[in-house]
């Protein structure tokens, strides 16, 4: 084996590839919300602004993304 040969690995499943773009989009949306709305809320008042930033700019988009992408089979009891 030469030093320039790529390592042999297992390709990720197609479902993992399909979730990369929505996850990147979630990151972009959260980043824009934190910079714009979070910054404005923190300029208004620091501690309430930090709490509002965490809830509405970070937690809420991630929670909505998780609700949208989780299939019902994962949440079903055995």
N, C-alpha and C. Protein backbone atom coordinates (compact mmCIF):
# COMPACT_ATOMS: atom_id res chain seq x y z
N UNK A 1 0.85 -1.18 0.00
CA UNK A 1 0.00 0.00 0.00
C UNK A 1 0.89 1.24 0.00
N UNK A 2 0.61 2.15 -0.90
CA UNK A 2 1.38 3.37 -0.98
C UNK A 2 0.87 4.40 0.03
N UNK A 3 1.69 5.38 0.29
CA UNK A 3 1.31 6.41 1.25
C UNK A 3 0.19 7.30 0.75
N UNK A 4 0.01 7.39 -0.56
CA UNK A 4 -1.01 8.28 -1.11
C UNK A 4 -2.36 7.62 -1.32
N UNK A 5 -2.46 6.31 -1.06
CA UNK A 5 -3.74 5.63 -1.22
C UNK A 5 -4.72 6.08 -0.14
N UNK A 6 -5.96 6.36 -0.50
CA UNK A 6 -6.94 6.76 0.53
C UNK A 6 -7.28 5.56 1.40
N UNK A 7 -7.61 5.80 2.65
CA UNK A 7 -7.98 4.69 3.54
C UNK A 7 -9.29 4.05 3.09
N UNK A 8 -9.36 2.76 3.30
CA UNK A 8 -10.57 2.02 2.94
C UNK A 8 -11.57 2.20 4.08
N UNK A 9 -12.76 2.59 3.75
CA UNK A 9 -13.78 2.80 4.76
C UNK A 9 -15.14 2.42 4.23
N UNK A 10 -16.10 2.51 5.11
CA UNK A 10 -17.47 2.21 4.75
C UNK A 10 -18.18 3.52 4.48
N UNK A 11 -18.87 3.58 3.37
CA UNK A 11 -19.61 4.80 3.02
C UNK A 11 -20.78 4.97 3.98
N UNK A 12 -21.07 6.22 4.36
CA UNK A 12 -22.22 6.45 5.23
C UNK A 12 -23.52 6.10 4.50
N UNK A 13 -24.55 5.75 5.24
CA UNK A 13 -25.83 5.43 4.59
C UNK A 13 -26.40 6.66 3.88
N UNK A 14 -27.25 6.41 2.92
CA UNK A 14 -27.84 7.50 2.14
C UNK A 14 -28.66 8.44 3.02
N UNK A 15 -29.26 7.92 4.07
CA UNK A 15 -30.05 8.78 4.95
C UNK A 15 -29.19 9.81 5.66
N UNK A 16 -27.93 9.44 5.96
CA UNK A 16 -27.02 10.40 6.60
C UNK A 16 -26.65 11.51 5.62
N UNK A 17 -26.43 11.15 4.37
CA UNK A 17 -26.10 12.15 3.36
C UNK A 17 -27.27 13.11 3.14
N UNK A 18 -28.49 12.61 3.22
CA UNK A 18 -29.66 13.43 2.98
C UNK A 18 -29.89 14.46 4.08
N UNK A 19 -29.31 14.24 5.27
CA UNK A 19 -29.52 15.17 6.39
C UNK A 19 -28.45 16.22 6.50
N UNK A 20 -27.40 16.16 5.70
CA UNK A 20 -26.31 17.12 5.82
C UNK A 20 -26.76 18.52 5.41
N UNK A 21 -27.41 18.64 4.27
CA UNK A 21 -27.86 19.96 3.80
C UNK A 21 -28.85 20.61 4.77
N UNK A 22 -29.89 19.91 5.25
CA UNK A 22 -30.78 20.56 6.23
C UNK A 22 -30.06 20.95 7.53
N UNK A 23 -29.09 20.15 7.95
CA UNK A 23 -28.35 20.50 9.17
C UNK A 23 -27.51 21.75 8.95
N UNK A 24 -26.89 21.86 7.78
CA UNK A 24 -26.13 23.07 7.46
C UNK A 24 -27.05 24.28 7.36
N UNK A 25 -28.23 24.08 6.82
CA UNK A 25 -29.21 25.16 6.73
C UNK A 25 -29.66 25.59 8.13
N UNK A 26 -29.86 24.64 9.02
CA UNK A 26 -30.20 24.96 10.41
C UNK A 26 -29.10 25.79 11.05
N UNK A 27 -27.84 25.40 10.83
CA UNK A 27 -26.72 26.15 11.39
C UNK A 27 -26.71 27.58 10.85
N UNK A 28 -26.93 27.74 9.56
CA UNK A 28 -26.94 29.07 8.95
C UNK A 28 -28.07 29.93 9.51
N UNK A 29 -29.26 29.36 9.62
CA UNK A 29 -30.40 30.11 10.16
C UNK A 29 -30.14 30.51 11.61
N UNK A 30 -29.63 29.58 12.41
CA UNK A 30 -29.34 29.89 13.81
C UNK A 30 -28.27 30.97 13.93
N UNK A 31 -27.25 30.91 13.07
CA UNK A 31 -26.19 31.91 13.11
C UNK A 31 -26.73 33.29 12.78
N UNK A 32 -27.56 33.38 11.76
CA UNK A 32 -28.15 34.68 11.38
C UNK A 32 -29.05 35.20 12.49
N UNK A 33 -29.86 34.32 13.09
CA UNK A 33 -30.73 34.75 14.19
C UNK A 33 -29.93 35.24 15.39
N UNK A 34 -28.86 34.51 15.73
CA UNK A 34 -28.06 34.91 16.89
C UNK A 34 -27.40 36.27 16.63
N UNK A 35 -26.84 36.45 15.44
CA UNK A 35 -26.15 37.70 15.16
C UNK A 35 -27.10 38.89 15.10
N UNK A 36 -28.27 38.71 14.51
CA UNK A 36 -29.19 39.85 14.35
C UNK A 36 -30.12 40.01 15.55
N UNK A 37 -31.00 39.04 15.77
CA UNK A 37 -31.98 39.17 16.86
C UNK A 37 -31.33 39.05 18.23
N UNK A 38 -30.37 38.12 18.35
CA UNK A 38 -29.69 37.95 19.63
C UNK A 38 -28.91 39.19 20.03
N UNK A 39 -28.22 39.77 19.06
CA UNK A 39 -27.47 41.00 19.35
C UNK A 39 -28.38 42.14 19.75
N UNK A 40 -29.51 42.27 19.06
CA UNK A 40 -30.46 43.33 19.40
C UNK A 40 -31.07 43.10 20.78
N UNK A 41 -31.40 41.85 21.10
CA UNK A 41 -31.98 41.55 22.41
C UNK A 41 -30.97 41.80 23.53
N UNK A 42 -29.71 41.50 23.28
CA UNK A 42 -28.70 41.71 24.31
C UNK A 42 -28.32 43.18 24.47
N UNK A 43 -28.50 43.97 23.43
CA UNK A 43 -28.28 45.41 23.57
C UNK A 43 -29.41 46.06 24.37
N UNK A 44 -30.60 45.45 24.28
CA UNK A 44 -31.75 45.95 25.03
C UNK A 44 -31.49 45.78 26.52
N UNK A 45 -31.31 44.54 26.97
CA UNK A 45 -30.91 44.24 28.35
C UNK A 45 -30.10 42.95 28.30
N UNK A 46 -29.01 42.90 29.04
CA UNK A 46 -28.07 41.80 28.89
C UNK A 46 -28.65 40.45 29.29
N UNK A 47 -29.08 40.28 30.52
CA UNK A 47 -29.50 38.95 30.98
C UNK A 47 -30.79 38.47 30.32
N UNK A 48 -31.84 39.28 30.25
CA UNK A 48 -33.02 38.80 29.50
C UNK A 48 -32.70 38.57 28.02
N UNK A 49 -31.81 39.38 27.46
CA UNK A 49 -31.42 39.20 26.08
C UNK A 49 -30.69 37.89 25.85
N UNK A 50 -29.83 37.49 26.79
CA UNK A 50 -29.14 36.20 26.69
C UNK A 50 -30.12 35.04 26.75
N UNK A 51 -31.09 35.15 27.64
CA UNK A 51 -32.09 34.09 27.76
C UNK A 51 -32.94 34.00 26.50
N UNK A 52 -33.37 35.14 25.98
CA UNK A 52 -34.16 35.14 24.74
C UNK A 52 -33.35 34.62 23.56
N UNK A 53 -32.07 34.95 23.52
CA UNK A 53 -31.20 34.44 22.45
C UNK A 53 -31.11 32.93 22.51
N UNK A 54 -30.89 32.40 23.70
CA UNK A 54 -30.78 30.95 23.85
C UNK A 54 -32.08 30.24 23.45
N UNK A 55 -33.20 30.78 23.89
CA UNK A 55 -34.48 30.11 23.64
C UNK A 55 -34.91 30.24 22.18
N UNK A 56 -34.95 31.45 21.66
CA UNK A 56 -35.55 31.68 20.34
C UNK A 56 -34.57 31.57 19.17
N UNK A 57 -33.29 31.77 19.41
CA UNK A 57 -32.33 31.75 18.30
C UNK A 57 -31.54 30.45 18.22
N UNK A 58 -31.45 29.72 19.31
CA UNK A 58 -30.67 28.49 19.31
C UNK A 58 -31.56 27.27 19.58
N UNK A 59 -32.29 27.28 20.68
CA UNK A 59 -33.08 26.12 21.07
C UNK A 59 -34.27 25.86 20.15
N UNK A 60 -35.04 26.90 19.86
CA UNK A 60 -36.26 26.72 19.06
C UNK A 60 -35.98 26.20 17.64
N UNK A 61 -35.02 26.78 16.89
CA UNK A 61 -34.75 26.20 15.56
C UNK A 61 -34.24 24.76 15.63
N UNK A 62 -33.40 24.44 16.62
CA UNK A 62 -32.90 23.07 16.74
C UNK A 62 -34.02 22.11 17.11
N UNK A 63 -34.91 22.53 17.98
CA UNK A 63 -36.03 21.67 18.38
C UNK A 63 -36.97 21.43 17.20
N UNK A 64 -37.26 22.49 16.45
CA UNK A 64 -38.13 22.33 15.27
C UNK A 64 -37.47 21.43 14.23
N UNK A 65 -36.16 21.55 14.04
CA UNK A 65 -35.44 20.68 13.11
C UNK A 65 -35.51 19.23 13.57
N UNK A 66 -35.34 18.99 14.86
CA UNK A 66 -35.41 17.63 15.38
C UNK A 66 -36.81 17.05 15.22
N UNK A 67 -37.82 17.85 15.45
CA UNK A 67 -39.20 17.38 15.27
C UNK A 67 -39.50 17.05 13.82
N UNK A 68 -38.95 17.85 12.90
CA UNK A 68 -39.21 17.64 11.48
C UNK A 68 -38.47 16.44 10.94
N UNK A 69 -37.25 16.18 11.39
CA UNK A 69 -36.43 15.12 10.79
C UNK A 69 -36.54 13.78 11.50
N UNK A 70 -37.10 13.72 12.69
CA UNK A 70 -37.21 12.46 13.41
C UNK A 70 -38.42 11.68 12.89
N UNK A 71 -38.17 10.44 12.51
CA UNK A 71 -39.27 9.63 12.01
C UNK A 71 -40.07 9.07 13.19
N UNK A 72 -41.35 8.80 13.01
CA UNK A 72 -42.17 8.26 14.10
C UNK A 72 -41.66 6.93 14.62
N UNK A 73 -40.96 6.16 13.79
CA UNK A 73 -40.47 4.84 14.23
C UNK A 73 -39.42 4.99 15.32
N UNK A 74 -38.66 6.09 15.33
CA UNK A 74 -37.64 6.28 16.37
C UNK A 74 -38.24 6.60 17.72
N UNK A 75 -39.38 7.21 17.73
CA UNK A 75 -40.01 7.58 18.99
C UNK A 75 -40.97 6.55 19.52
N UNK A 76 -41.22 5.49 18.77
CA UNK A 76 -42.19 4.48 19.20
C UNK A 76 -41.59 3.57 20.26
N UNK A 77 -42.41 3.21 21.23
CA UNK A 77 -41.97 2.29 22.28
C UNK A 77 -41.96 0.86 21.73
N UNK A 78 -41.01 0.04 22.18
CA UNK A 78 -40.95 -1.34 21.68
C UNK A 78 -42.09 -2.20 22.15
